[in-house]
Amino acid sequence: MPKNEKSARKSTNAEIERRKQEEVAKARVRQVDDKGRAYGTGRRNIARVWVQPGDGRFSINDKSFDVYFPILDHRAAILRPFSETKTLGIWDVKCTVQGGGLSGQVGAIQLGISRALQNWEPSLRPYLKTEGFLTRDSRVVERKKPGMAKARKSFQWVKR
């Protein structure tokens, strides 16, 4: 098969894929309730995030943003969906977080904010998707196997 036929087929496949993605993008509609509610879940924690237009105020478990997360890296990670979509200071965010540690809660809040932004403005989805903000941490606890003490730990074994 000549090279130009392969390249022509590749370009048509790429064009077909692009059309499919455009159709999916057209199908996305703004999904907002009166509070702009979206949910984000982490590995062992749950974050419920409410986003609405405002002046950039944050409230996490009825505490201030900088009081709840004293570490600067955590605050920066939460603000990344806004900075990547150039919407920093436009939205008010209220969220409740349960379970896990601080960095896990940061990931859950980040996912919830990203989903809420996508629901308010479907055109922001490609930016959020390419940066990986819409990807959930899919790790879960491995189950205990029969005949073993835990998932991987076996009972003590005596040779003689």
C-alpha atoms as a PDB file:
ATOM      1  CA  MET A   1       0.000   0.000   0.000  1.00  0.00           C
ATOM      2  CA  PRO A   2       1.485   3.389  -0.977  1.00  0.00           C
ATOM      3  CA  LYS A   3       2.325   5.892   1.739  1.00  0.00           C
ATOM      4  CA  ASN A   4      -0.026   8.586   0.456  1.00  0.00           C
ATOM      5  CA  GLU A   5      -3.041   6.243   0.795  1.00  0.00           C
ATOM      6  CA  LYS A   6      -2.144   5.587   4.448  1.00  0.00           C
ATOM      7  CA  SER A   7      -1.771   9.275   5.198  1.00  0.00           C
ATOM      8  CA  ALA A   8      -5.052  10.040   3.408  1.00  0.00           C
ATOM      9  CA  ARG A   9      -6.827   7.390   5.475  1.00  0.00           C
ATOM     10  CA  LYS A  10      -5.273   8.759   8.691  1.00  0.00           C
ATOM     11  CA  SER A  11      -6.427  12.276   7.871  1.00  0.00           C
ATOM     12  CA  THR A  12      -9.979  11.098   7.190  1.00  0.00           C
ATOM     13  CA  ASN A  13     -10.010   9.144  10.466  1.00  0.00           C
ATOM     14  CA  ALA A  14      -8.815  12.238  12.317  1.00  0.00           C
ATOM     15  CA  GLU A  15     -11.503  14.301  10.607  1.00  0.00           C
ATOM     16  CA  ILE A  16     -14.214  11.792  11.554  1.00  0.00           C
ATOM     17  CA  GLU A  17     -13.006  11.803  15.170  1.00  0.00           C
ATOM     18  CA  ARG A  18     -13.025  15.622  15.228  1.00  0.00           C
ATOM     19  CA  ARG A  19     -16.616  15.687  13.940  1.00  0.00           C
ATOM     20  CA  LYS A  20     -17.700  13.213  16.633  1.00  0.00           C
ATOM     21  CA  GLN A  21     -16.147  15.382  19.333  1.00  0.00           C
ATOM     22  CA  GLU A  22     -17.873  18.485  17.936  1.00  0.00           C
ATOM     23  CA  GLU A  23     -21.231  16.682  18.028  1.00  0.00           C
ATOM     24  CA  VAL A  24     -20.646  15.670  21.642  1.00  0.00           C
ATOM     25  CA  ALA A  25     -19.685  19.252  22.487  1.00  0.00           C
ATOM     26  CA  LYS A  26     -22.880  20.524  20.847  1.00  0.00           C
ATOM     27  CA  ALA A  27     -24.954  18.033  22.822  1.00  0.00           C
ATOM     28  CA  ARG A  28     -23.728  19.416  26.183  1.00  0.00           C
ATOM     29  CA  VAL A  29     -26.274  21.737  27.712  1.00  0.00           C
ATOM     30  CA  ARG A  30     -26.001  23.975  30.741  1.00  0.00           C
ATOM     31  CA  GLN A  31     -27.165  21.965  33.785  1.00  0.00           C
ATOM     32  CA  VAL A  32     -27.651  24.271  36.732  1.00  0.00           C
ATOM     33  CA  ASP A  33     -30.075  24.297  39.618  1.00  0.00           C
ATOM     34  CA  ASP A  34     -30.805  27.503  41.521  1.00  0.00           C
ATOM     35  CA  LYS A  35     -27.552  27.162  43.534  1.00  0.00           C
ATOM     36  CA  GLY A  36     -25.279  25.855  40.754  1.00  0.00           C
ATOM     37  CA  ARG A  37     -24.759  22.598  42.587  1.00  0.00           C
ATOM     38  CA  ALA A  38     -22.161  19.964  41.667  1.00  0.00           C
ATOM     39  CA  TYR A  39     -20.676  17.015  43.537  1.00  0.00           C
ATOM     40  CA  GLY A  40     -17.079  15.836  43.556  1.00  0.00           C
ATOM     41  CA  THR A  41     -15.843  12.680  45.229  1.00  0.00           C
ATOM     42  CA  GLY A  42     -12.304  11.640  46.071  1.00  0.00           C
ATOM     43  CA  ARG A  43     -10.893   8.319  47.176  1.00  0.00           C
ATOM     44  CA  ARG A  44     -12.223   8.139  50.732  1.00  0.00           C
ATOM     45  CA  ASN A  45     -13.755  11.562  51.016  1.00  0.00           C
ATOM     46  CA  ILE A  46     -16.753  13.409  49.664  1.00  0.00           C
ATOM     47  CA  ALA A  47     -16.869  17.055  48.634  1.00  0.00           C
ATOM     48  CA  ARG A  48     -20.127  18.799  47.803  1.00  0.00           C
ATOM     49  CA  VAL A  49     -19.485  22.037  45.963  1.00  0.00           C
ATOM     50  CA  TRP A  50     -21.907  24.872  45.225  1.00  0.00           C
ATOM     51  CA  VAL A  51     -20.715  27.445  42.691  1.00  0.00           C
ATOM     52  CA  GLN A  52     -22.552  30.635  41.766  1.00  0.00           C
ATOM     53  CA  PRO A  53     -21.550  33.947  40.170  1.00  0.00           C
ATOM     54  CA  GLY A  54     -20.076  36.367  42.680  1.00  0.00           C
ATOM     55  CA  ASP A  55     -16.862  38.087  43.696  1.00  0.00           C
ATOM     56  CA  GLY A  56     -14.586  35.115  44.483  1.00  0.00           C
ATOM     57  CA  ARG A  57     -15.532  34.236  48.073  1.00  0.00           C
ATOM     58  CA  PHE A  58     -14.684  30.759  49.410  1.00  0.00           C
ATOM     59  CA  SER A  59     -16.298  28.911  52.294  1.00  0.00           C
ATOM     60  CA  ILE A  60     -15.203  25.390  53.236  1.00  0.00           C
ATOM     61  CA  ASN A  61     -17.186  23.680  56.029  1.00  0.00           C
ATOM     62  CA  ASP A  62     -18.349  27.162  57.141  1.00  0.00           C
ATOM     63  CA  LYS A  63     -14.723  28.250  57.572  1.00  0.00           C
ATOM     64  CA  SER A  64     -12.629  30.669  55.594  1.00  0.00           C
ATOM     65  CA  PHE A  65     -10.509  29.307  52.731  1.00  0.00           C
ATOM     66  CA  ASP A  66      -7.160  30.242  54.315  1.00  0.00           C
ATOM     67  CA  VAL A  67      -8.177  29.019  57.794  1.00  0.00           C
ATOM     68  CA  TYR A  68      -9.244  25.552  56.611  1.00  0.00           C
ATOM     69  CA  PHE A  69      -6.207  25.064  54.313  1.00  0.00           C
ATOM     70  CA  PRO A  70      -3.155  26.746  55.907  1.00  0.00           C
ATOM     71  CA  ILE A  71      -0.735  25.182  53.370  1.00  0.00           C
ATOM     72  CA  LEU A  72      -0.239  27.354  50.272  1.00  0.00           C
ATOM     73  CA  ASP A  73       0.086  24.402  47.869  1.00  0.00           C
ATOM     74  CA  HIS A  74      -3.371  23.172  48.873  1.00  0.00           C
ATOM     75  CA  ARG A  75      -4.902  26.597  48.217  1.00  0.00           C
ATOM     76  CA  ALA A  76      -3.139  26.853  44.860  1.00  0.00           C
ATOM     77  CA  ALA A  77      -4.416  23.402  43.832  1.00  0.00           C
ATOM     78  CA  ILE A  78      -8.005  24.374  44.644  1.00  0.00           C
ATOM     79  CA  LEU A  79      -7.710  27.587  42.610  1.00  0.00           C
ATOM     80  CA  ARG A  80      -6.154  25.882  39.551  1.00  0.00           C
ATOM     81  CA  PRO A  81      -9.468  25.121  37.746  1.00  0.00           C
ATOM     82  CA  PHE A  82     -10.300  28.833  37.947  1.00  0.00           C
ATOM     83  CA  SER A  83      -6.850  30.014  36.854  1.00  0.00           C
ATOM     84  CA  GLU A  84      -6.681  27.560  33.917  1.00  0.00           C
ATOM     85  CA  THR A  85     -10.098  28.681  32.629  1.00  0.00           C
ATOM     86  CA  LYS A  86      -9.337  32.365  33.375  1.00  0.00           C
ATOM     87  CA  THR A  87     -12.388  32.694  35.646  1.00  0.00           C
ATOM     88  CA  LEU A  88     -10.602  33.531  38.910  1.00  0.00           C
ATOM     89  CA  GLY A  89     -12.600  35.935  41.088  1.00  0.00           C
ATOM     90  CA  ILE A  90     -15.852  35.494  39.139  1.00  0.00           C
ATOM     91  CA  TRP A  91     -17.390  32.676  41.210  1.00  0.00           C
ATOM     92  CA  ASP A  92     -18.411  32.270  44.852  1.00  0.00           C
ATOM     93  CA  VAL A  93     -17.712  28.756  46.146  1.00  0.00           C
ATOM     94  CA  LYS A  94     -19.283  27.040  49.143  1.00  0.00           C
ATOM     95  CA  CYS A  95     -18.335  23.453  49.881  1.00  0.00           C
ATOM     96  CA  THR A  96     -18.637  20.785  52.516  1.00  0.00           C
ATOM     97  CA  VAL A  97     -15.957  18.097  52.780  1.00  0.00           C
ATOM     98  CA  GLN A  98     -15.950  14.897  54.812  1.00  0.00           C
ATOM     99  CA  GLY A  99     -13.385  12.164  55.300  1.00  0.00           C
ATOM    100  CA  GLY A 100      -9.788  11.651  54.255  1.00  0.00           C
ATOM    101  CA  GLY A 101      -6.808  13.892  54.884  1.00  0.00           C
ATOM    102  CA  LEU A 102      -6.217  17.455  53.761  1.00  0.00           C
ATOM    103  CA  SER A 103      -4.609  16.653  50.400  1.00  0.00           C
ATOM    104  CA  GLY A 104      -7.368  14.147  49.576  1.00  0.00           C
ATOM    105  CA  GLN A 105      -9.962  16.765  50.438  1.00  0.00           C
ATOM    106  CA  VAL A 106      -8.172  19.209  48.143  1.00  0.00           C
ATOM    107  CA  GLY A 107      -8.484  16.738  45.250  1.00  0.00           C
ATOM    108  CA  ALA A 108     -12.173  16.177  45.940  1.00  0.00           C
ATOM    109  CA  ILE A 109     -12.881  19.928  46.102  1.00  0.00           C
ATOM    110  CA  GLN A 110     -10.926  20.481  42.882  1.00  0.00           C
ATOM    111  CA  LEU A 111     -13.014  17.833  41.104  1.00  0.00           C
ATOM    112  CA  GLY A 112     -16.258  19.306  42.460  1.00  0.00           C
ATOM    113  CA  ILE A 113     -15.306  22.816  41.341  1.00  0.00           C
ATOM    114  CA  SER A 114     -14.372  21.535  37.878  1.00  0.00           C
ATOM    115  CA  ARG A 115     -17.681  19.696  37.487  1.00  0.00           C
ATOM    116  CA  ALA A 116     -19.608  22.748  38.674  1.00  0.00           C
ATOM    117  CA  LEU A 117     -17.799  25.011  36.200  1.00  0.00           C
ATOM    118  CA  GLN A 118     -18.526  22.525  33.426  1.00  0.00           C
ATOM    119  CA  ASN A 119     -22.206  22.512  34.377  1.00  0.00           C
ATOM    120  CA  TRP A 120     -22.406  26.304  34.384  1.00  0.00           C
ATOM    121  CA  GLU A 121     -20.414  26.792  31.190  1.00  0.00           C
ATOM    122  CA  PRO A 122     -20.130  23.693  28.935  1.00  0.00           C
ATOM    123  CA  SER A 123     -17.616  25.521  26.708  1.00  0.00           C
ATOM    124  CA  LEU A 124     -15.036  25.275  29.544  1.00  0.00           C
ATOM    125  CA  ARG A 125     -15.054  21.461  29.433  1.00  0.00           C
ATOM    126  CA  PRO A 126     -12.174  21.042  26.903  1.00  0.00           C
ATOM    127  CA  TYR A 127      -9.843  23.204  29.040  1.00  0.00           C
ATOM    128  CA  LEU A 128     -10.749  21.322  32.218  1.00  0.00           C
ATOM    129  CA  LYS A 129     -10.495  17.932  30.489  1.00  0.00           C
ATOM    130  CA  THR A 130      -7.034  18.523  28.979  1.00  0.00           C
ATOM    131  CA  GLU A 131      -5.658  19.621  32.357  1.00  0.00           C
ATOM    132  CA  GLY A 132      -7.088  16.474  33.997  1.00  0.00           C
ATOM    133  CA  PHE A 133      -9.444  18.271  36.390  1.00  0.00           C
ATOM    134  CA  LEU A 134     -12.438  16.086  35.466  1.00  0.00           C
ATOM    135  CA  THR A 135     -10.672  12.795  36.227  1.00  0.00           C
ATOM    136  CA  ARG A 136     -11.698  11.049  39.446  1.00  0.00           C
ATOM    137  CA  ASP A 137      -9.119   9.205  41.535  1.00  0.00           C
ATOM    138  CA  SER A 138     -10.395   5.671  40.918  1.00  0.00           C
ATOM    139  CA  ARG A 139      -8.320   3.842  43.531  1.00  0.00           C
ATOM    140  CA  VAL A 140     -10.367   1.847  46.035  1.00  0.00           C
ATOM    141  CA  VAL A 141      -9.510  -0.454  48.930  1.00  0.00           C
ATOM    142  CA  GLU A 142      -8.661  -3.984  47.801  1.00  0.00           C
ATOM    143  CA  ARG A 143     -10.979  -6.619  49.228  1.00  0.00           C
ATOM    144  CA  LYS A 144      -9.953  -9.246  51.782  1.00  0.00           C
ATOM    145  CA  LYS A 145      -9.381 -12.682  50.234  1.00  0.00           C
ATOM    146  CA  PRO A 146     -10.535 -15.922  51.865  1.00  0.00           C
ATOM    147  CA  GLY A 147      -7.745 -17.830  53.592  1.00  0.00           C
ATOM    148  CA  MET A 148      -5.731 -14.652  54.135  1.00  0.00           C
ATOM    149  CA  ALA A 149      -5.476 -12.250  57.062  1.00  0.00           C
ATOM    150  CA  LYS A 150      -6.021  -9.156  54.888  1.00  0.00           C
ATOM    151  CA  ALA A 151      -6.085  -8.365  51.179  1.00  0.00           C
ATOM    152  CA  ARG A 152      -2.429  -9.332  50.673  1.00  0.00           C
ATOM    153  CA  LYS A 153      -1.210 -10.365  54.127  1.00  0.00           C
ATOM    154  CA  SER A 154      -1.206 -14.103  54.732  1.00  0.00           C
ATOM    155  CA  PHE A 155      -1.299 -15.944  58.022  1.00  0.00           C
ATOM    156  CA  GLN A 156       2.003 -16.880  59.664  1.00  0.00           C
ATOM    157  CA  TRP A 157       3.439 -20.013  58.093  1.00  0.00           C
ATOM    158  CA  VAL A 158       5.462 -22.669  59.959  1.00  0.00           C
ATOM    159  CA  LYS A 159       7.775 -24.796  57.856  1.00  0.00           C
ATOM    160  CA  ARG A 160       8.231 -27.650  60.417  1.00  0.00           C
END
